[in-house]
Amino acid sequence: MTVLSEITRENSGSIVCCTHCGNRHTYIKWGFYSRYSFDEKLINIQRYRCDNDLCPQKTFSILPHAFLPIIRASLCMLTYILNMYEQENSIADIARHTGSNWPRVQRWIAKALSIRKWLQKEYNNSSPCLLKTRQWPSFTRDFSWAFYPNRMR
């Protein structure tokens, strides 16, 4: 988890462009919200407002590497939980190990299964989990459009 937190801090200064229309020129800072990093420290996520009149999505944020939109677990955490589940660990054991409750672990397993299916189809099963890459914003945009189309369009 410490490695994930360091990667998140290193990649929080990404190039800013609207995650919906790609606008890089006319946006303004529009507040922020906080999320817990992987070592339970709060980090601020900057929100922006897109000033492109043709863009239906008016606000956006650039998530640091390993954070997924809407889901409170990272892609790496979901992969880890799914691996534990497939090694026949009980839900209760996984919950204890992750410091979570078992209904949340069940939701995470269901989400991880659907994400894995999507990764196999869209990304040839390559997970961008621990890659230090500038392509994370485009990955999170693809993820949002695939799993939350009504919210993101």
N, C-alpha and C. Protein backbone atom coordinates (compact mmCIF):
# COMPACT_ATOMS: atom_id res chain seq x y z
N MET A 1 0.82 -1.19 0.00
CA MET A 1 0.00 0.00 0.00
C MET A 1 0.86 1.25 0.00
N THR A 2 2.03 1.18 0.62
CA THR A 2 2.92 2.34 0.65
C THR A 2 3.40 2.66 -0.77
N VAL A 3 3.69 1.64 -1.57
CA VAL A 3 4.12 1.85 -2.94
C VAL A 3 3.02 2.58 -3.72
N LEU A 4 1.77 2.16 -3.54
CA LEU A 4 0.66 2.82 -4.23
C LEU A 4 0.55 4.28 -3.82
N SER A 5 0.73 4.56 -2.55
CA SER A 5 0.63 5.95 -2.08
C SER A 5 1.73 6.81 -2.70
N GLU A 6 2.94 6.27 -2.81
CA GLU A 6 4.03 7.02 -3.42
C GLU A 6 3.77 7.27 -4.90
N ILE A 7 3.27 6.25 -5.61
CA ILE A 7 2.95 6.42 -7.03
C ILE A 7 1.87 7.48 -7.19
N THR A 8 0.87 7.47 -6.32
CA THR A 8 -0.21 8.45 -6.38
C THR A 8 0.32 9.86 -6.19
N ARG A 9 1.19 10.06 -5.21
CA ARG A 9 1.74 11.39 -4.97
C ARG A 9 2.60 11.86 -6.15
N GLU A 10 3.38 10.94 -6.73
CA GLU A 10 4.24 11.29 -7.86
C GLU A 10 3.43 11.67 -9.09
N ASN A 11 2.27 11.08 -9.28
CA ASN A 11 1.50 11.28 -10.50
C ASN A 11 0.31 12.21 -10.31
N SER A 12 0.30 13.00 -9.25
CA SER A 12 -0.84 13.88 -9.05
C SER A 12 -0.74 15.17 -9.86
N GLY A 13 0.38 15.43 -10.49
CA GLY A 13 0.54 16.64 -11.28
C GLY A 13 0.44 16.36 -12.77
N SER A 14 -0.60 15.74 -13.19
CA SER A 14 -0.78 15.34 -14.58
C SER A 14 -1.18 16.53 -15.45
N ILE A 15 -1.07 16.37 -16.75
CA ILE A 15 -1.51 17.38 -17.70
C ILE A 15 -3.02 17.51 -17.58
N VAL A 16 -3.50 18.74 -17.50
CA VAL A 16 -4.93 18.97 -17.32
C VAL A 16 -5.62 19.12 -18.66
N CYS A 17 -6.59 18.26 -18.90
CA CYS A 17 -7.49 18.42 -20.04
C CYS A 17 -8.82 17.78 -19.67
N CYS A 18 -9.89 18.30 -20.21
CA CYS A 18 -11.23 17.80 -19.88
C CYS A 18 -11.31 16.32 -20.23
N THR A 19 -11.79 15.54 -19.31
CA THR A 19 -11.86 14.09 -19.52
C THR A 19 -12.96 13.71 -20.50
N HIS A 20 -13.81 14.67 -20.85
CA HIS A 20 -14.88 14.35 -21.81
C HIS A 20 -14.57 14.86 -23.21
N CYS A 21 -14.23 16.15 -23.34
CA CYS A 21 -14.04 16.72 -24.68
C CYS A 21 -12.57 16.90 -25.06
N GLY A 22 -11.66 16.74 -24.11
CA GLY A 22 -10.23 16.89 -24.41
C GLY A 22 -9.73 18.33 -24.38
N ASN A 23 -10.57 19.27 -24.00
CA ASN A 23 -10.20 20.69 -23.94
C ASN A 23 -9.01 20.89 -23.00
N ARG A 24 -7.96 21.54 -23.48
CA ARG A 24 -6.77 21.82 -22.65
C ARG A 24 -6.59 23.31 -22.37
N HIS A 25 -7.42 24.14 -22.96
CA HIS A 25 -7.12 25.56 -22.94
C HIS A 25 -8.06 26.40 -22.10
N THR A 26 -9.33 26.08 -22.06
CA THR A 26 -10.27 26.93 -21.34
C THR A 26 -10.93 26.15 -20.21
N TYR A 27 -10.28 26.15 -19.09
CA TYR A 27 -10.82 25.54 -17.88
C TYR A 27 -10.36 26.38 -16.70
N ILE A 28 -11.06 26.26 -15.60
CA ILE A 28 -10.65 26.96 -14.39
C ILE A 28 -10.74 25.99 -13.21
N LYS A 29 -9.92 26.24 -12.21
CA LYS A 29 -10.00 25.42 -11.00
C LYS A 29 -11.36 25.64 -10.36
N TRP A 30 -11.98 24.58 -9.90
CA TRP A 30 -13.35 24.64 -9.42
C TRP A 30 -13.48 23.85 -8.11
N GLY A 31 -12.66 24.18 -7.14
CA GLY A 31 -12.71 23.51 -5.85
C GLY A 31 -11.92 22.21 -5.85
N PHE A 32 -12.13 21.43 -4.81
CA PHE A 32 -11.47 20.14 -4.70
C PHE A 32 -12.29 19.26 -3.78
N TYR A 33 -11.96 17.99 -3.78
CA TYR A 33 -12.53 17.05 -2.83
C TYR A 33 -11.40 16.18 -2.33
N SER A 34 -11.64 15.50 -1.24
CA SER A 34 -10.59 14.68 -0.63
C SER A 34 -10.91 13.20 -0.77
N ARG A 35 -9.88 12.42 -0.96
CA ARG A 35 -9.98 10.97 -0.94
C ARG A 35 -8.84 10.44 -0.09
N TYR A 36 -9.07 9.28 0.48
CA TYR A 36 -8.01 8.66 1.25
C TYR A 36 -7.06 7.97 0.29
N SER A 37 -5.76 8.17 0.51
CA SER A 37 -4.77 7.44 -0.26
C SER A 37 -4.67 6.04 0.33
N PHE A 38 -3.77 5.27 -0.17
CA PHE A 38 -3.72 3.86 0.20
C PHE A 38 -3.07 3.62 1.55
N ASP A 39 -2.46 4.67 2.11
CA ASP A 39 -1.93 4.56 3.46
C ASP A 39 -2.78 5.37 4.43
N GLU A 40 -4.06 5.57 4.07
CA GLU A 40 -5.07 6.22 4.91
C GLU A 40 -4.81 7.69 5.18
N LYS A 41 -4.02 8.36 4.34
CA LYS A 41 -3.84 9.80 4.46
C LYS A 41 -4.75 10.48 3.44
N LEU A 42 -5.33 11.61 3.83
CA LEU A 42 -6.19 12.35 2.91
C LEU A 42 -5.34 13.09 1.89
N ILE A 43 -5.74 13.01 0.63
CA ILE A 43 -5.13 13.83 -0.41
C ILE A 43 -6.24 14.60 -1.10
N ASN A 44 -5.92 15.79 -1.55
CA ASN A 44 -6.91 16.62 -2.24
C ASN A 44 -6.86 16.36 -3.73
N ILE A 45 -8.03 16.19 -4.32
CA ILE A 45 -8.17 16.00 -5.76
C ILE A 45 -8.76 17.30 -6.31
N GLN A 46 -8.04 17.97 -7.19
CA GLN A 46 -8.49 19.23 -7.77
C GLN A 46 -9.63 18.98 -8.75
N ARG A 47 -10.68 19.78 -8.67
CA ARG A 47 -11.76 19.76 -9.65
C ARG A 47 -11.55 20.95 -10.58
N TYR A 48 -11.99 20.80 -11.82
CA TYR A 48 -11.91 21.85 -12.82
C TYR A 48 -13.27 22.02 -13.48
N ARG A 49 -13.50 23.21 -14.01
CA ARG A 49 -14.71 23.45 -14.78
C ARG A 49 -14.29 23.68 -16.22
N CYS A 50 -14.89 22.92 -17.12
CA CYS A 50 -14.60 23.05 -18.54
C CYS A 50 -15.42 24.21 -19.10
N ASP A 51 -14.76 25.15 -19.78
CA ASP A 51 -15.45 26.30 -20.35
C ASP A 51 -15.77 26.12 -21.83
N ASN A 52 -15.62 24.93 -22.35
CA ASN A 52 -15.99 24.64 -23.72
C ASN A 52 -17.52 24.58 -23.79
N ASP A 53 -18.14 25.46 -24.55
CA ASP A 53 -19.60 25.51 -24.63
C ASP A 53 -20.21 24.24 -25.20
N LEU A 54 -19.45 23.50 -25.99
CA LEU A 54 -19.97 22.28 -26.60
C LEU A 54 -19.83 21.04 -25.71
N CYS A 55 -19.16 21.19 -24.59
CA CYS A 55 -18.92 20.04 -23.69
C CYS A 55 -20.09 19.89 -22.72
N PRO A 56 -20.77 18.74 -22.76
CA PRO A 56 -21.90 18.55 -21.85
C PRO A 56 -21.48 18.27 -20.40
N GLN A 57 -20.25 17.87 -20.20
CA GLN A 57 -19.75 17.61 -18.85
C GLN A 57 -19.04 18.87 -18.38
N LYS A 58 -19.59 19.54 -17.40
CA LYS A 58 -19.05 20.85 -17.03
C LYS A 58 -17.90 20.79 -16.04
N THR A 59 -17.85 19.78 -15.16
CA THR A 59 -16.73 19.69 -14.23
C THR A 59 -16.04 18.34 -14.40
N PHE A 60 -14.77 18.33 -14.06
CA PHE A 60 -13.99 17.10 -14.15
C PHE A 60 -12.84 17.18 -13.17
N SER A 61 -12.23 16.05 -12.91
CA SER A 61 -11.01 16.01 -12.11
C SER A 61 -10.05 15.03 -12.75
N ILE A 62 -8.78 15.23 -12.48
CA ILE A 62 -7.75 14.33 -12.98
C ILE A 62 -7.31 13.49 -11.79
N LEU A 63 -7.68 12.22 -11.80
CA LEU A 63 -7.34 11.35 -10.68
C LEU A 63 -5.89 10.89 -10.77
N PRO A 64 -5.19 10.89 -9.65
CA PRO A 64 -3.83 10.35 -9.64
C PRO A 64 -3.85 8.85 -9.95
N HIS A 65 -2.73 8.35 -10.36
CA HIS A 65 -2.60 6.94 -10.72
C HIS A 65 -3.10 6.03 -9.61
N ALA A 66 -3.79 5.01 -10.01
CA ALA A 66 -4.34 3.93 -9.19
C ALA A 66 -5.72 4.24 -8.62
N PHE A 67 -6.16 5.50 -8.62
CA PHE A 67 -7.53 5.80 -8.20
C PHE A 67 -8.48 5.58 -9.37
N LEU A 68 -9.64 5.01 -9.07
CA LEU A 68 -10.69 4.84 -10.06
C LEU A 68 -11.82 5.82 -9.78
N PRO A 69 -12.49 6.28 -10.82
CA PRO A 69 -13.64 7.16 -10.59
C PRO A 69 -14.74 6.41 -9.84
N ILE A 70 -15.40 7.09 -8.95
CA ILE A 70 -16.58 6.64 -8.21
C ILE A 70 -16.27 5.53 -7.21
N ILE A 71 -15.51 4.52 -7.60
CA ILE A 71 -15.20 3.40 -6.71
C ILE A 71 -14.18 3.83 -5.68
N ARG A 72 -14.37 3.46 -4.46
CA ARG A 72 -13.45 3.85 -3.38
C ARG A 72 -12.29 2.87 -3.21
N ALA A 73 -12.17 1.92 -4.09
CA ALA A 73 -11.02 1.01 -4.09
C ALA A 73 -10.23 1.26 -5.37
N SER A 74 -8.94 1.06 -5.29
CA SER A 74 -8.11 1.24 -6.48
C SER A 74 -8.20 -0.01 -7.35
N LEU A 75 -7.74 0.14 -8.59
CA LEU A 75 -7.70 -1.01 -9.49
C LEU A 75 -6.78 -2.08 -8.92
N CYS A 76 -5.69 -1.66 -8.30
CA CYS A 76 -4.74 -2.61 -7.70
C CYS A 76 -5.38 -3.36 -6.54
N MET A 77 -6.14 -2.64 -5.71
CA MET A 77 -6.82 -3.28 -4.58
C MET A 77 -7.85 -4.29 -5.07
N LEU A 78 -8.60 -3.92 -6.10
CA LEU A 78 -9.60 -4.84 -6.65
C LEU A 78 -8.94 -6.10 -7.21
N THR A 79 -7.81 -5.92 -7.88
CA THR A 79 -7.07 -7.06 -8.42
C THR A 79 -6.57 -7.95 -7.29
N TYR A 80 -6.06 -7.34 -6.24
CA TYR A 80 -5.55 -8.08 -5.09
C TYR A 80 -6.67 -8.88 -4.41
N ILE A 81 -7.82 -8.23 -4.20
CA ILE A 81 -8.96 -8.90 -3.58
C ILE A 81 -9.45 -10.05 -4.44
N LEU A 82 -9.51 -9.83 -5.75
CA LEU A 82 -9.94 -10.90 -6.65
C LEU A 82 -8.98 -12.08 -6.62
N ASN A 83 -7.68 -11.81 -6.55
CA ASN A 83 -6.70 -12.90 -6.45
C ASN A 83 -6.90 -13.69 -5.15
N MET A 84 -7.13 -12.99 -4.05
CA MET A 84 -7.38 -13.68 -2.78
C MET A 84 -8.64 -14.54 -2.87
N TYR A 85 -9.67 -14.00 -3.50
CA TYR A 85 -10.94 -14.72 -3.65
C TYR A 85 -10.75 -15.97 -4.51
N GLU A 86 -9.99 -15.86 -5.57
CA GLU A 86 -9.77 -17.00 -6.46
C GLU A 86 -8.84 -18.04 -5.85
N GLN A 87 -8.10 -17.67 -4.81
CA GLN A 87 -7.30 -18.63 -4.06
C GLN A 87 -8.11 -19.26 -2.94
N GLU A 88 -9.43 -19.06 -3.02
CA GLU A 88 -10.40 -19.66 -2.12
C GLU A 88 -10.30 -19.17 -0.68
N ASN A 89 -9.87 -17.92 -0.49
CA ASN A 89 -9.97 -17.29 0.82
C ASN A 89 -11.44 -16.92 1.03
N SER A 90 -11.90 -17.00 2.26
CA SER A 90 -13.29 -16.65 2.53
C SER A 90 -13.47 -15.13 2.48
N ILE A 91 -14.70 -14.70 2.29
CA ILE A 91 -15.01 -13.27 2.29
C ILE A 91 -14.61 -12.66 3.62
N ALA A 92 -14.88 -13.37 4.71
CA ALA A 92 -14.53 -12.87 6.04
C ALA A 92 -13.01 -12.70 6.18
N ASP A 93 -12.23 -13.66 5.67
CA ASP A 93 -10.77 -13.54 5.72
C ASP A 93 -10.28 -12.34 4.91
N ILE A 94 -10.86 -12.15 3.73
CA ILE A 94 -10.46 -11.02 2.88
C ILE A 94 -10.82 -9.71 3.58
N ALA A 95 -12.00 -9.66 4.17
CA ALA A 95 -12.44 -8.45 4.89
C ALA A 95 -11.49 -8.14 6.04
N ARG A 96 -11.13 -9.15 6.80
CA ARG A 96 -10.19 -8.93 7.91
C ARG A 96 -8.84 -8.45 7.40
N HIS A 97 -8.37 -9.08 6.33
CA HIS A 97 -7.06 -8.76 5.78
C HIS A 97 -7.01 -7.33 5.22
N THR A 98 -8.11 -6.88 4.64
CA THR A 98 -8.14 -5.54 4.03
C THR A 98 -8.67 -4.47 4.98
N GLY A 99 -9.14 -4.88 6.16
CA GLY A 99 -9.69 -3.91 7.10
C GLY A 99 -11.03 -3.36 6.67
N SER A 100 -11.77 -4.15 5.94
CA SER A 100 -13.06 -3.73 5.42
C SER A 100 -14.16 -4.62 5.98
N ASN A 101 -15.40 -4.38 5.57
CA ASN A 101 -16.47 -5.27 5.99
C ASN A 101 -16.85 -6.20 4.84
N TRP A 102 -17.52 -7.30 5.17
CA TRP A 102 -17.72 -8.30 4.12
C TRP A 102 -18.73 -7.88 3.06
N PRO A 103 -19.77 -7.07 3.33
CA PRO A 103 -20.62 -6.62 2.21
C PRO A 103 -19.83 -5.78 1.19
N ARG A 104 -18.92 -4.94 1.67
CA ARG A 104 -18.10 -4.14 0.76
C ARG A 104 -17.17 -5.05 -0.05
N VAL A 105 -16.58 -6.04 0.59
CA VAL A 105 -15.71 -6.97 -0.12
C VAL A 105 -16.49 -7.71 -1.20
N GLN A 106 -17.72 -8.11 -0.91
CA GLN A 106 -18.54 -8.77 -1.92
C GLN A 106 -18.80 -7.85 -3.11
N ARG A 107 -19.09 -6.57 -2.85
CA ARG A 107 -19.29 -5.61 -3.95
C ARG A 107 -18.00 -5.45 -4.75
N TRP A 108 -16.87 -5.37 -4.04
CA TRP A 108 -15.59 -5.22 -4.73
C TRP A 108 -15.27 -6.43 -5.60
N ILE A 109 -15.58 -7.61 -5.12
CA ILE A 109 -15.33 -8.82 -5.92
C ILE A 109 -16.18 -8.80 -7.18
N ALA A 110 -17.45 -8.46 -7.04
CA ALA A 110 -18.33 -8.38 -8.21
C ALA A 110 -17.82 -7.34 -9.21
N LYS A 111 -17.40 -6.18 -8.71
CA LYS A 111 -16.88 -5.13 -9.59
C LYS A 111 -15.56 -5.58 -10.23
N ALA A 112 -14.70 -6.25 -9.46
CA ALA A 112 -13.42 -6.72 -9.99
C ALA A 112 -13.62 -7.74 -11.11
N LEU A 113 -14.61 -8.60 -10.96
CA LEU A 113 -14.90 -9.58 -12.02
C LEU A 113 -15.33 -8.89 -13.31
N SER A 114 -16.19 -7.89 -13.19
CA SER A 114 -16.63 -7.18 -14.40
C SER A 114 -15.50 -6.35 -15.00
N ILE A 115 -14.65 -5.77 -14.14
CA ILE A 115 -13.52 -5.00 -14.66
C ILE A 115 -12.54 -5.92 -15.38
N ARG A 116 -12.30 -7.09 -14.80
CA ARG A 116 -11.37 -8.03 -15.46
C ARG A 116 -11.91 -8.44 -16.83
N LYS A 117 -13.19 -8.68 -16.92
CA LYS A 117 -13.81 -9.04 -18.20
C LYS A 117 -13.62 -7.90 -19.20
N TRP A 118 -13.82 -6.66 -18.74
CA TRP A 118 -13.65 -5.49 -19.60
C TRP A 118 -12.19 -5.32 -20.01
N LEU A 119 -11.25 -5.51 -19.06
CA LEU A 119 -9.83 -5.40 -19.38
C LEU A 119 -9.41 -6.43 -20.42
N GLN A 120 -9.94 -7.64 -20.30
CA GLN A 120 -9.61 -8.69 -21.28
C GLN A 120 -10.08 -8.28 -22.67
N LYS A 121 -11.25 -7.67 -22.73
CA LYS A 121 -11.83 -7.28 -24.02
C LYS A 121 -11.16 -6.03 -24.58
N GLU A 122 -11.00 -4.99 -23.77
CA GLU A 122 -10.53 -3.69 -24.25
C GLU A 122 -9.02 -3.50 -24.21
N TYR A 123 -8.35 -4.14 -23.27
CA TYR A 123 -6.93 -3.89 -23.06
C TYR A 123 -6.09 -5.17 -23.17
N ASN A 124 -6.63 -6.19 -23.79
CA ASN A 124 -5.92 -7.47 -23.94
C ASN A 124 -5.38 -7.98 -22.61
N ASN A 125 -6.18 -7.78 -21.56
CA ASN A 125 -5.89 -8.27 -20.22
C ASN A 125 -4.68 -7.62 -19.56
N SER A 126 -4.14 -6.55 -20.15
CA SER A 126 -3.02 -5.88 -19.50
C SER A 126 -3.57 -4.85 -18.51
N SER A 127 -3.17 -4.98 -17.28
CA SER A 127 -3.65 -4.08 -16.24
C SER A 127 -2.66 -2.94 -16.04
N PRO A 128 -3.13 -1.70 -16.08
CA PRO A 128 -2.24 -0.57 -15.86
C PRO A 128 -2.01 -0.30 -14.38
N CYS A 129 -2.20 -1.29 -13.54
CA CYS A 129 -2.21 -1.12 -12.10
C CYS A 129 -0.97 -0.43 -11.56
N LEU A 130 0.19 -0.98 -11.74
CA LEU A 130 1.39 -0.40 -11.14
C LEU A 130 2.29 0.31 -12.15
N LEU A 131 1.81 0.51 -13.35
CA LEU A 131 2.63 1.20 -14.34
C LEU A 131 2.61 2.70 -14.07
N LYS A 132 3.79 3.29 -14.02
CA LYS A 132 3.86 4.74 -13.88
C LYS A 132 3.72 5.33 -15.28
N THR A 133 2.50 5.69 -15.61
CA THR A 133 2.22 6.11 -16.97
C THR A 133 1.41 7.39 -17.00
N ARG A 134 1.60 8.16 -18.02
CA ARG A 134 0.81 9.38 -18.24
C ARG A 134 -0.54 9.04 -18.87
N GLN A 135 -0.79 7.78 -19.19
CA GLN A 135 -2.03 7.40 -19.84
C GLN A 135 -3.14 7.10 -18.85
N TRP A 136 -2.91 7.31 -17.56
CA TRP A 136 -3.94 7.02 -16.56
C TRP A 136 -5.21 7.82 -16.78
N PRO A 137 -5.16 9.14 -17.07
CA PRO A 137 -6.41 9.87 -17.31
C PRO A 137 -7.24 9.28 -18.46
N SER A 138 -6.59 8.84 -19.53
CA SER A 138 -7.38 8.26 -20.62
C SER A 138 -7.94 6.89 -20.21
N PHE A 139 -7.19 6.15 -19.39
CA PHE A 139 -7.72 4.88 -18.89
C PHE A 139 -8.94 5.13 -18.01
N THR A 140 -8.87 6.10 -17.10
CA THR A 140 -10.01 6.37 -16.22
C THR A 140 -11.20 6.89 -17.01
N ARG A 141 -10.96 7.63 -18.09
CA ARG A 141 -12.07 8.08 -18.95
C ARG A 141 -12.73 6.87 -19.62
N ASP A 142 -11.94 5.97 -20.18
CA ASP A 142 -12.50 4.76 -20.79
C ASP A 142 -13.27 3.94 -19.76
N PHE A 143 -12.70 3.83 -18.58
CA PHE A 143 -13.35 3.09 -17.49
C PHE A 143 -14.70 3.72 -17.14
N SER A 144 -14.72 5.04 -17.00
CA SER A 144 -15.96 5.73 -16.65
C SER A 144 -17.02 5.56 -17.73
N TRP A 145 -16.62 5.68 -18.97
CA TRP A 145 -17.58 5.53 -20.07
C TRP A 145 -18.11 4.11 -20.13
N ALA A 146 -17.27 3.12 -19.81
CA ALA A 146 -17.72 1.73 -19.87
C ALA A 146 -18.63 1.36 -18.71
N PHE A 147 -18.34 1.85 -17.51
CA PHE A 147 -19.07 1.40 -16.31
C PHE A 147 -20.11 2.41 -15.81
N TYR A 148 -19.98 3.66 -16.17
CA TYR A 148 -20.92 4.69 -15.71
C TYR A 148 -21.33 5.60 -16.86
N PRO A 149 -21.89 5.03 -17.95
CA PRO A 149 -22.15 5.84 -19.14
C PRO A 149 -23.16 6.96 -18.90
N ASN A 150 -24.16 6.74 -18.09
CA ASN A 150 -25.17 7.79 -17.85
C ASN A 150 -24.61 8.94 -17.03
N ARG A 151 -23.64 8.65 -16.25
CA ARG A 151 -23.05 9.67 -15.39
C ARG A 151 -21.99 10.48 -16.12
N MET A 152 -21.35 9.89 -17.11
CA MET A 152 -20.22 10.51 -17.75
C MET A 152 -20.54 11.13 -19.12
N ARG A 153 -21.74 10.96 -19.62
CA ARG A 153 -22.04 11.52 -20.95
C ARG A 153 -23.17 12.48 -20.88
